[in-house]
C-alpha atoms as a PDB file:
ATOM      1  CA  MET A   1       7.179  -8.277  10.894  1.00  0.00           C
ATOM      2  CA  THR A   2       8.530  -9.110  14.271  1.00  0.00           C
ATOM      3  CA  GLY A   3       6.747  -8.850  17.589  1.00  0.00           C
ATOM      4  CA  GLY A   4       6.245  -5.376  19.001  1.00  0.00           C
ATOM      5  CA  GLU A   5       6.307  -3.535  15.671  1.00  0.00           C
ATOM      6  CA  ASP A   6       3.378  -1.548  14.347  1.00  0.00           C
ATOM      7  CA  VAL A   7       1.723  -3.290  11.422  1.00  0.00           C
ATOM      8  CA  CYS A   8      -0.065  -0.282   9.915  1.00  0.00           C
ATOM      9  CA  ARG A   9       0.628   3.411  10.081  1.00  0.00           C
ATOM     10  CA  LEU A  10      -0.673   6.458   8.294  1.00  0.00           C
ATOM     11  CA  GLU A  11       2.150   7.625   6.033  1.00  0.00           C
ATOM     12  CA  ALA A  12       0.467  10.522   4.254  1.00  0.00           C
ATOM     13  CA  LEU A  13      -2.839  11.951   3.142  1.00  0.00           C
ATOM     14  CA  VAL A  14      -3.072  12.538  -0.594  1.00  0.00           C
ATOM     15  CA  THR A  15      -5.765  13.988  -2.827  1.00  0.00           C
ATOM     16  CA  MET A  16      -6.857  12.600  -6.166  1.00  0.00           C
ATOM     17  CA  ASP A  17      -7.047  15.226  -8.897  1.00  0.00           C
ATOM     18  CA  GLU A  18      -9.737  15.549 -11.550  1.00  0.00           C
ATOM     19  CA  ARG A  19      -7.810  13.161 -13.829  1.00  0.00           C
ATOM     20  CA  GLY A  20      -7.765  10.449 -11.138  1.00  0.00           C
ATOM     21  CA  GLN A  21      -4.087  10.921 -10.307  1.00  0.00           C
ATOM     22  CA  ILE A  22      -2.408  11.154  -6.933  1.00  0.00           C
ATOM     23  CA  VAL A  23       1.094  12.287  -6.018  1.00  0.00           C
ATOM     24  CA  LEU A  24       3.199  10.354  -3.541  1.00  0.00           C
ATOM     25  CA  PRO A  25       5.071  12.826  -1.353  1.00  0.00           C
ATOM     26  CA  LYS A  26       8.781  13.135  -2.139  1.00  0.00           C
ATOM     27  CA  ALA A  27       9.826  11.924   1.316  1.00  0.00           C
ATOM     28  CA  LEU A  28       7.847   8.690   0.825  1.00  0.00           C
ATOM     29  CA  ARG A  29       9.191   8.137  -2.699  1.00  0.00           C
ATOM     30  CA  GLN A  30      12.718   8.494  -1.371  1.00  0.00           C
ATOM     31  CA  ARG A  31      12.110   6.322   1.695  1.00  0.00           C
ATOM     32  CA  PHE A  32      10.548   3.511  -0.331  1.00  0.00           C
ATOM     33  CA  GLY A  33      12.970   3.852  -3.241  1.00  0.00           C
ATOM     34  CA  VAL A  34      10.373   4.437  -5.940  1.00  0.00           C
ATOM     35  CA  GLY A  35      10.631   6.868  -8.801  1.00  0.00           C
ATOM     36  CA  PRO A  36      10.007   7.307 -12.508  1.00  0.00           C
ATOM     37  CA  GLY A  37       9.694   4.003 -14.335  1.00  0.00           C
ATOM     38  CA  LYS A  38       9.228   1.907 -11.184  1.00  0.00           C
ATOM     39  CA  LYS A  39       6.173  -0.322 -11.303  1.00  0.00           C
ATOM     40  CA  LEU A  40       3.743  -0.336  -8.382  1.00  0.00           C
ATOM     41  CA  ALA A  41       0.859  -2.716  -7.776  1.00  0.00           C
ATOM     42  CA  ILE A  42      -2.406  -1.785  -6.090  1.00  0.00           C
ATOM     43  CA  SER A  43      -4.222  -4.489  -4.135  1.00  0.00           C
ATOM     44  CA  SER A  44      -7.622  -4.039  -2.549  1.00  0.00           C
ATOM     45  CA  CYS A  45      -9.176  -5.436   0.613  1.00  0.00           C
ATOM     46  CA  GLU A  46     -12.931  -5.864   0.976  1.00  0.00           C
ATOM     47  CA  CYS A  47     -15.118  -5.886   4.036  1.00  0.00           C
ATOM     48  CA  ASN A  48     -18.824  -6.678   3.742  1.00  0.00           C
ATOM     49  CA  GLY A  49     -18.635  -6.481  -0.050  1.00  0.00           C
ATOM     50  CA  GLU A  50     -17.085  -2.998  -0.170  1.00  0.00           C
ATOM     51  CA  VAL A  51     -13.486  -2.028  -0.809  1.00  0.00           C
ATOM     52  CA  CYS A  52     -12.230  -0.725   2.530  1.00  0.00           C
ATOM     53  CA  CYS A  53      -8.555  -0.180   1.725  1.00  0.00           C
ATOM     54  CA  LEU A  54      -6.030  -0.099  -1.081  1.00  0.00           C
ATOM     55  CA  VAL A  55      -2.472  -1.296  -0.613  1.00  0.00           C
ATOM     56  CA  LEU A  56       0.349   0.047  -2.762  1.00  0.00           C
ATOM     57  CA  MET A  57       3.427  -2.149  -3.120  1.00  0.00           C
ATOM     58  CA  ARG A  58       6.417  -2.566  -5.415  1.00  0.00           C
ATOM     59  CA  ALA A  59       5.532  -4.794  -8.359  1.00  0.00           C
ATOM     60  CA  ARG A  60       8.712  -6.829  -7.805  1.00  0.00           C
ATOM     61  CA  SER A  61       7.167  -7.975  -4.510  1.00  0.00           C
ATOM     62  CA  LEU A  62       4.447  -9.816  -6.416  1.00  0.00           C
ATOM     63  CA  ASP A  63       6.119 -13.217  -6.484  1.00  0.00           C
ATOM     64  CA  GLY A  64       3.138 -15.214  -5.275  1.00  0.00           C
ATOM     65  CA  LYS A  65       3.470 -14.025  -1.693  1.00  0.00           C
ATOM     66  CA  VAL A  66       0.940 -11.184  -1.823  1.00  0.00           C
ATOM     67  CA  ARG A  67      -1.417 -12.952   0.533  1.00  0.00           C
ATOM     68  CA  GLY A  68       1.389 -13.440   3.071  1.00  0.00           C
ATOM     69  CA  VAL A  69       2.414  -9.805   2.811  1.00  0.00           C
ATOM     70  CA  LEU A  70      -1.128  -8.455   3.066  1.00  0.00           C
ATOM     71  CA  SER A  71      -2.491 -10.838   5.709  1.00  0.00           C
ATOM     72  CA  PRO A  72      -1.108  -8.883   8.713  1.00  0.00           C
ATOM     73  CA  VAL A  73      -2.503  -5.651   7.285  1.00  0.00           C
ATOM     74  CA  VAL A  74      -5.939  -7.134   6.710  1.00  0.00           C
ATOM     75  CA  ARG A  75      -6.033  -8.620  10.213  1.00  0.00           C
ATOM     76  CA  GLU A  76      -5.099  -5.229  11.707  1.00  0.00           C
ATOM     77  CA  VAL A  77      -7.771  -3.380   9.700  1.00  0.00           C
ATOM     78  CA  MET A  78     -10.533  -5.872  10.432  1.00  0.00           C
END
């Protein structure tokens, strides 16, 4: 991220169904280049012992730099 850019933004509101599944809106899937067969990782952030947010990212981004990627998000949320 460079100076002056927003760190976090609300991309969409989704609803979990009775089977625990959510659907990513088509526009987001296209924008982020994810589709069938693509692996996604879910990371969680905790505040005061409770999960306060979940972060969805491409699994290929998990090369040991997760903390560096998530740090700006966590700082913004806290």
